Amino acid sequence: MKGILFHGERKIEVREFPDPIPGDGEVVIEMRASGMCGSDLHTYRGPRREQPLIGGHEPAGVIASVGRGVPDEWIGRAVMVHHYFGCGRCDQCRSGWTQMCREGATAMGATAQGSHADFMTVPFTSVLPMPEGLSFLAAAAIGCGTGTAWGALRRLQLAGEDTIAIFGQGPVGLAATQLASAMGARVIALDIAPSRLERSRDFGASLTINPAEVDSVADAVRDLTDGRGVSKSLETSGASSAARDALHVLDLWGTACWVGVGSTIQFDLTEHLYKQIKGVTSWTMSMASMEDCARFVVQRGIDVDALFTETWQLADAVEAYELLDRQTSGKGVFVP
């Protein structure tokens, strides 16, 4: 089989590997889609690795073979995969939060072999059957980017009566815009790229703000909300300025959520204390939440496939990641 090997320092290569054989409690999945995620860039740009590994952590495919302890009837079944592997025994693993395993989790494409390959081997406990009507591309996106957006909206307890400000309209922010609007909430999308703001309107944003074009983001949001601010805010970009603004745009009793990695935030507690606000973080989603997201997408007829703007073959890996590294494009995916 072929796989995309990540060496770090922006060096990758497509290499031949032996076809995998599943061990006890494992399955081999034949890839139908492997999404590219912004967090792949941490491995791509990171330091040189002594032990390079196959990248990617948004897989969807068909089970090709099973190891001992896995029922044969799973062969040929279309599945999506939760991309963190834990001990399987602790309270977090048993509740489906394997990324929070108390014994330490491994992450596909970062500390475990990833999905940018013809085949991959994963624990049977990490796979979920795809609901009928879900595409492989949508299943791949739900594996991280769209699933991360879903997990954050659930942490926010978003409802149809809410107005939510979503900072950043990259793949995660755009997915949040798409899901939030499908939930009935009014979305104010914020991004410094006009092209991303234009796209956010196609994905359900009611209003847009370019932070680079206003003196105060908080004032601009209040101008659109009768002077009150929003009931919910979500920061997806990882920019420190956006992380701070996610607090300042809130109405009384509002809730802010942060999923963007890399920002630093400092604030005067007194400024926010008397507003009775809440602040939460969100890290991807549990297996149960991933299943809920897939079901919601199918039931509401949400076109998650539309998030993808680039389709690649494994042989195109160098070009694909050079483009992702510039962060000027939409979401990419490797397909057979």
Protein backbone atom coordinates (compact mmCIF):
# COMPACT_ATOMS: atom_id res chain seq x y z
CA MET A 1 0.00 0.00 0.00
CA LYS A 2 0.96 3.67 -0.30
CA GLY A 3 1.03 6.15 2.57
CA ILE A 4 2.09 9.76 3.16
CA LEU A 5 5.00 9.83 5.59
CA PHE A 6 5.54 12.96 7.70
CA HIS A 7 9.16 13.73 8.61
CA GLY A 8 8.64 17.18 10.12
CA GLU A 9 10.23 20.44 8.95
CA ARG A 10 7.77 20.48 6.01
CA LYS A 11 9.15 17.28 4.51
CA ILE A 12 6.76 14.53 3.46
CA GLU A 13 7.01 11.65 1.04
CA VAL A 14 4.76 9.03 -0.48
CA ARG A 15 6.16 5.61 0.38
CA GLU A 16 5.24 1.97 -0.18
CA PHE A 17 4.38 -0.06 2.93
CA PRO A 18 3.39 -3.68 3.50
CA ASP A 19 -0.38 -4.16 3.48
CA PRO A 20 -1.54 -4.24 7.12
CA ILE A 21 -2.75 -7.34 8.96
CA PRO A 22 -5.15 -6.73 11.88
CA GLY A 23 -4.17 -7.92 15.33
CA ASP A 24 -6.50 -9.03 18.10
CA GLY A 25 -9.39 -6.58 18.46
CA GLU A 26 -8.32 -4.59 15.39
CA VAL A 27 -9.77 -3.86 11.96
CA VAL A 28 -8.14 -2.83 8.71
CA ILE A 29 -10.00 -0.04 6.89
CA GLU A 30 -9.70 0.61 3.17
CA MET A 31 -9.74 4.39 2.84
CA ARG A 32 -12.45 6.13 0.88
CA ALA A 33 -11.65 9.62 2.20
CA SER A 34 -8.98 11.09 4.46
CA GLY A 35 -9.54 14.75 5.25
CA MET A 36 -6.82 17.35 5.69
CA CYS A 37 -7.05 19.35 8.91
CA GLY A 38 -5.29 22.51 10.06
CA SER A 39 -3.90 20.63 13.05
CA ASP A 40 -1.98 18.40 10.60
CA LEU A 41 0.27 21.42 10.18
CA HIS A 42 1.64 20.96 13.72
CA THR A 43 3.20 17.68 12.56
CA TYR A 44 4.03 18.96 9.08
CA ARG A 45 5.80 22.09 10.34
CA GLY A 46 7.15 20.54 13.52
CA PRO A 47 10.69 19.43 14.32
CA ARG A 48 12.40 16.64 12.44
CA ARG A 49 11.08 13.30 13.64
CA GLU A 50 13.37 10.40 14.45
CA GLN A 51 10.44 8.09 13.76
CA PRO A 52 8.36 9.54 10.90
CA LEU A 53 4.77 8.36 10.67
CA ILE A 54 1.82 8.37 8.31
CA GLY A 55 -0.18 11.58 8.70
CA GLY A 56 -3.88 12.33 8.67
CA HIS A 57 -6.64 11.87 11.23
CA GLU A 58 -9.96 12.29 9.41
CA PRO A 59 -10.63 8.83 7.96
CA ALA A 60 -13.68 7.19 6.49
CA GLY A 61 -13.77 3.93 4.63
CA VAL A 62 -14.81 0.30 4.45
CA ILE A 63 -13.61 -2.46 6.76
CA ALA A 64 -11.45 -4.78 4.66
CA SER A 65 -10.43 -7.35 7.29
CA VAL A 66 -10.83 -8.01 11.00
CA GLY A 67 -8.69 -9.49 13.73
CA ARG A 68 -9.57 -12.06 16.32
CA GLY A 69 -12.44 -10.98 18.54
CA VAL A 70 -14.13 -8.86 15.86
CA PRO A 71 -17.26 -10.32 14.21
CA ASP A 72 -16.77 -11.19 10.53
CA GLU A 73 -20.03 -9.45 9.62
CA TRP A 74 -18.25 -6.10 10.00
CA ILE A 75 -16.22 -6.82 6.85
CA GLY A 76 -17.48 -4.55 4.06
CA ARG A 77 -19.21 -2.14 6.43
CA ALA A 78 -18.74 1.62 5.88
CA VAL A 79 -17.33 3.26 9.00
CA MET A 80 -16.01 6.49 10.43
CA VAL A 81 -13.30 6.55 13.10
CA HIS A 82 -12.72 8.40 16.37
CA HIS A 83 -9.08 9.31 15.95
CA TYR A 84 -7.84 9.05 19.56
CA PHE A 85 -6.91 5.72 21.11
CA GLY A 86 -6.88 5.19 24.87
CA CYS A 87 -6.52 2.36 27.35
CA GLY A 88 -10.17 1.37 26.94
CA ARG A 89 -10.58 0.77 30.68
CA CYS A 90 -10.61 4.11 32.51
CA ASP A 91 -13.72 6.19 33.13
CA GLN A 92 -12.93 8.56 30.26
CA CYS A 93 -12.44 5.79 27.70
CA ARG A 94 -15.59 4.00 28.83
CA SER A 95 -17.57 7.22 28.36
CA GLY A 96 -16.22 7.65 24.81
CA TRP A 97 -13.70 10.41 25.65
CA THR A 98 -10.63 8.41 24.64
CA GLN A 99 -8.60 11.58 24.03
CA MET A 100 -8.83 12.19 27.78
CA CYS A 101 -7.65 8.69 28.73
CA ARG A 102 -6.17 8.73 32.22
CA GLU A 103 -3.41 6.38 31.08
CA GLY A 104 -2.52 8.65 28.16
CA ALA A 105 -4.00 8.69 24.67
CA THR A 106 -2.38 8.40 21.28
CA ALA A 107 -3.58 10.54 18.39
CA MET A 108 -3.83 9.35 14.82
CA GLY A 109 -1.37 11.17 12.58
CA ALA A 110 0.57 12.66 15.51
CA THR A 111 1.57 9.84 17.89
CA ALA A 112 -0.06 6.93 16.05
CA GLN A 113 -0.10 5.99 12.37
CA GLY A 114 -2.61 8.07 10.44
CA SER A 115 -5.15 7.82 7.65
CA HIS A 116 -3.36 9.28 4.62
CA ALA A 117 -2.87 5.83 3.13
CA ASP A 118 -4.63 3.15 1.12
CA PHE A 119 -5.32 1.16 4.31
CA MET A 120 -5.02 1.72 8.04
CA THR A 121 -5.32 -0.43 11.16
CA VAL A 122 -7.33 0.82 14.16
CA PRO A 123 -8.85 -0.67 17.32
CA PHE A 124 -12.34 -1.99 16.66
CA THR A 125 -13.53 0.08 19.62
CA SER A 126 -12.71 3.28 17.71
CA VAL A 127 -15.01 2.70 14.72
CA LEU A 128 -18.63 3.75 14.27
CA PRO A 129 -20.94 2.56 11.49
CA MET A 130 -21.83 5.32 9.04
CA PRO A 131 -25.55 6.11 9.00
CA GLU A 132 -27.28 5.51 5.70
CA GLY A 133 -27.14 8.62 3.55
CA LEU A 134 -23.84 9.94 4.94
CA SER A 135 -21.10 10.39 2.34
CA PHE A 136 -17.51 9.30 2.93
CA LEU A 137 -16.39 12.94 2.64
CA ALA A 138 -18.87 14.03 5.31
CA ALA A 139 -17.86 11.13 7.56
CA ALA A 140 -14.20 12.17 7.24
CA ALA A 141 -15.00 15.79 8.14
CA ILE A 142 -17.07 14.70 11.15
CA GLY A 143 -14.01 12.74 12.31
CA CYS A 144 -12.39 16.01 13.39
CA GLY A 145 -13.19 19.41 11.86
CA THR A 146 -16.97 19.25 11.68
CA GLY A 147 -17.05 17.09 14.80
CA THR A 148 -15.00 19.70 16.66
CA ALA A 149 -17.52 22.37 15.65
CA TRP A 150 -20.38 20.13 16.78
CA GLY A 151 -18.71 19.42 20.12
CA ALA A 152 -18.25 23.14 20.77
CA LEU A 153 -21.86 23.99 19.92
CA ARG A 154 -23.02 21.27 22.28
CA ARG A 155 -20.75 22.65 25.02
CA LEU A 156 -22.39 26.01 24.41
CA GLN A 157 -25.84 24.41 24.62
CA LEU A 158 -26.76 26.33 21.49
CA ALA A 159 -30.48 26.78 20.83
CA GLY A 160 -32.57 28.30 18.08
CA GLU A 161 -33.18 31.44 20.14
CA ASP A 162 -29.44 32.21 20.33
CA THR A 163 -27.36 34.64 18.33
CA ILE A 164 -23.81 33.33 18.10
CA ALA A 165 -20.65 35.13 16.99
CA ILE A 166 -18.25 32.67 15.34
CA PHE A 167 -14.67 33.92 15.10
CA GLY A 168 -12.74 32.47 12.17
CA GLN A 169 -14.31 31.01 9.04
CA GLY A 170 -11.73 28.40 8.22
CA PRO A 171 -12.94 24.79 7.99
CA VAL A 172 -13.87 24.47 11.70
CA GLY A 173 -15.51 27.89 11.91
CA LEU A 174 -17.33 27.36 8.64
CA ALA A 175 -18.59 23.99 9.85
CA ALA A 176 -19.79 25.69 13.04
CA THR A 177 -21.62 28.28 10.96
CA GLN A 178 -23.24 25.53 8.90
CA LEU A 179 -24.33 23.51 11.95
CA ALA A 180 -25.42 26.47 14.06
CA SER A 181 -27.65 27.83 11.31
CA ALA A 182 -29.15 24.36 10.86
CA MET A 183 -29.94 24.40 14.58
CA GLY A 184 -31.90 27.60 14.03
CA ALA A 185 -29.48 30.05 15.64
CA ARG A 186 -28.61 33.39 14.06
CA VAL A 187 -24.93 33.45 13.12
CA ILE A 188 -22.61 36.45 12.99
CA ALA A 189 -19.47 35.28 11.16
CA LEU A 190 -16.16 37.06 11.69
CA ASP A 191 -12.96 36.73 9.64
CA ILE A 192 -10.30 39.02 8.23
CA ALA A 193 -10.49 37.34 4.79
CA PRO A 194 -13.32 38.73 2.60
CA SER A 195 -13.44 35.49 0.61
CA ARG A 196 -14.10 33.48 3.76
CA LEU A 197 -16.81 35.87 4.87
CA GLU A 198 -18.46 35.56 1.48
CA ARG A 199 -18.37 31.79 1.77
CA SER A 200 -19.81 31.91 5.30
CA ARG A 201 -22.97 33.49 3.91
CA ASP A 202 -23.43 30.47 1.66
CA PHE A 203 -23.13 28.29 4.76
CA GLY A 204 -25.82 30.10 6.71
CA ALA A 205 -24.31 33.22 8.28
CA SER A 206 -26.94 35.93 8.68
CA LEU A 207 -24.41 38.73 9.24
CA THR A 208 -20.67 39.15 8.77
CA ILE A 209 -17.95 41.35 10.27
CA ASN A 210 -14.36 41.83 9.11
CA PRO A 211 -12.40 42.68 12.31
CA ALA A 212 -9.73 44.39 10.19
CA GLU A 213 -12.30 46.92 8.98
CA VAL A 214 -13.78 48.05 12.32
CA ASP A 215 -12.35 50.00 15.24
CA SER A 216 -13.99 47.75 17.82
CA VAL A 217 -15.31 44.24 17.21
CA ALA A 218 -17.42 44.42 20.37
CA ASP A 219 -19.07 47.66 19.21
CA ALA A 220 -19.64 46.24 15.73
CA VAL A 221 -21.38 43.18 17.20
CA ARG A 222 -23.52 45.35 19.48
CA ASP A 223 -24.52 47.49 16.50
CA LEU A 224 -26.02 44.31 15.01
CA THR A 225 -27.74 43.17 18.21
CA ASP A 226 -29.66 46.22 19.44
CA GLY A 227 -26.75 47.22 21.66
CA ARG A 228 -26.82 44.03 23.72
CA GLY A 229 -24.21 41.65 22.32
CA VAL A 230 -24.60 37.94 21.60
CA SER A 231 -25.78 35.13 23.83
CA LYS A 232 -23.02 32.78 22.61
CA SER A 233 -19.59 33.13 21.02
CA LEU A 234 -17.16 30.61 19.57
CA GLU A 235 -13.49 31.21 18.79
CA THR A 236 -11.96 28.85 16.20
CA SER A 237 -9.04 30.78 14.70
CA GLY A 238 -6.41 30.57 17.44
CA ALA A 239 -5.80 34.34 17.24
CA SER A 240 -5.33 36.02 20.62
CA SER A 241 -7.30 39.08 19.56
CA ALA A 242 -10.26 36.91 18.63
CA ALA A 243 -9.98 34.95 21.89
CA ARG A 244 -10.33 38.22 23.82
CA ASP A 245 -13.12 39.55 21.63
CA ALA A 246 -15.10 36.35 22.20
CA LEU A 247 -15.57 37.59 25.78
CA HIS A 248 -16.20 41.24 24.97
CA VAL A 249 -19.03 40.56 22.50
CA LEU A 250 -21.18 38.72 25.06
CA ASP A 251 -24.50 39.95 26.38
CA LEU A 252 -25.42 39.49 30.05
CA TRP A 253 -25.46 35.77 30.96
CA GLY A 254 -23.64 34.94 27.72
CA THR A 255 -21.28 32.00 27.16
CA ALA A 256 -17.99 31.95 25.26
CA CYS A 257 -16.23 28.84 23.97
CA TRP A 258 -12.68 28.47 22.67
CA VAL A 259 -11.43 25.70 20.38
CA GLY A 260 -8.66 27.52 18.46
CA VAL A 261 -5.16 26.42 19.51
CA GLY A 262 -2.35 28.92 19.99
CA SER A 263 -3.99 32.00 21.47
CA THR A 264 -3.16 33.73 24.75
CA ILE A 265 -5.86 35.54 26.66
CA GLN A 266 -5.73 37.91 29.62
CA PHE A 267 -8.65 39.86 30.99
CA ASP A 268 -9.79 41.95 33.91
CA LEU A 269 -12.14 39.75 35.89
CA THR A 270 -14.03 42.72 37.27
CA GLU A 271 -14.99 43.79 33.77
CA HIS A 272 -16.84 40.50 33.25
CA LEU A 273 -17.77 39.49 36.80
CA TYR A 274 -21.00 41.46 36.94
CA LYS A 275 -22.21 40.18 33.58
CA GLN A 276 -22.70 36.61 34.89
CA ILE A 277 -20.94 35.17 31.83
CA LYS A 278 -19.50 31.70 31.39
CA GLY A 279 -16.36 30.59 29.56
CA VAL A 280 -15.75 27.02 28.39
CA THR A 281 -13.24 25.18 26.27
CA SER A 282 -13.98 22.31 23.91
CA TRP A 283 -11.66 19.60 22.59
CA THR A 284 -13.04 17.69 19.61
CA MET A 285 -15.92 15.40 20.69
CA SER A 286 -16.75 12.06 22.29
CA MET A 287 -17.65 8.99 20.28
CA ALA A 288 -21.31 9.39 21.27
CA SER A 289 -21.26 13.03 20.16
CA MET A 290 -19.62 12.04 16.87
CA GLU A 291 -22.48 9.62 16.23
CA ASP A 292 -25.03 12.32 17.13
CA CYS A 293 -23.40 14.74 14.69
CA ALA A 294 -23.53 12.22 11.84
CA ARG A 295 -27.18 11.52 12.51
CA PHE A 296 -28.00 15.25 12.65
CA VAL A 297 -26.24 15.87 9.34
CA VAL A 298 -28.23 13.14 7.61
CA GLN A 299 -31.58 14.06 9.16
CA ARG A 300 -31.22 17.75 8.30
CA GLY A 301 -29.77 17.13 4.83
CA ILE A 302 -26.66 19.24 5.58
CA ASP A 303 -24.19 19.41 2.69
CA VAL A 304 -20.97 18.81 4.62
CA ASP A 305 -19.26 17.80 1.38
CA ALA A 306 -19.41 21.46 0.34
CA LEU A 307 -16.70 22.23 2.91
CA PHE A 308 -14.14 20.54 0.66
CA THR A 309 -12.62 22.73 -2.03
CA GLU A 310 -9.66 20.52 -3.01
CA THR A 311 -9.60 16.80 -3.83
CA TRP A 312 -6.24 15.04 -4.00
CA GLN A 313 -4.66 11.67 -4.70
CA LEU A 314 -1.97 10.33 -2.36
CA ALA A 315 0.60 10.98 -5.09
CA ASP A 316 -0.25 14.71 -4.84
CA ALA A 317 0.79 14.90 -1.16
CA VAL A 318 3.62 17.41 -1.51
CA GLU A 319 1.53 19.86 -3.55
CA ALA A 320 -1.47 19.36 -1.28
CA TYR A 321 0.39 20.20 1.91
CA GLU A 322 2.26 23.11 0.36
CA LEU A 323 -1.14 24.60 -0.42
CA LEU A 324 -2.52 23.86 3.06
CA ASP A 325 0.60 25.39 4.59
CA ARG A 326 -0.22 28.73 2.93
CA GLN A 327 -3.67 28.63 4.60
CA THR A 328 -5.30 30.45 1.71
CA SER A 329 -7.52 27.62 0.51
CA GLY A 330 -10.50 25.70 1.84
CA LYS A 331 -10.54 22.13 3.09
CA GLY A 332 -8.75 19.34 1.23
CA VAL A 333 -9.26 15.58 1.15
CA PHE A 334 -7.40 12.55 -0.19
CA VAL A 335 -9.55 10.04 -2.08
CA PRO A 336 -8.69 6.82 -3.99
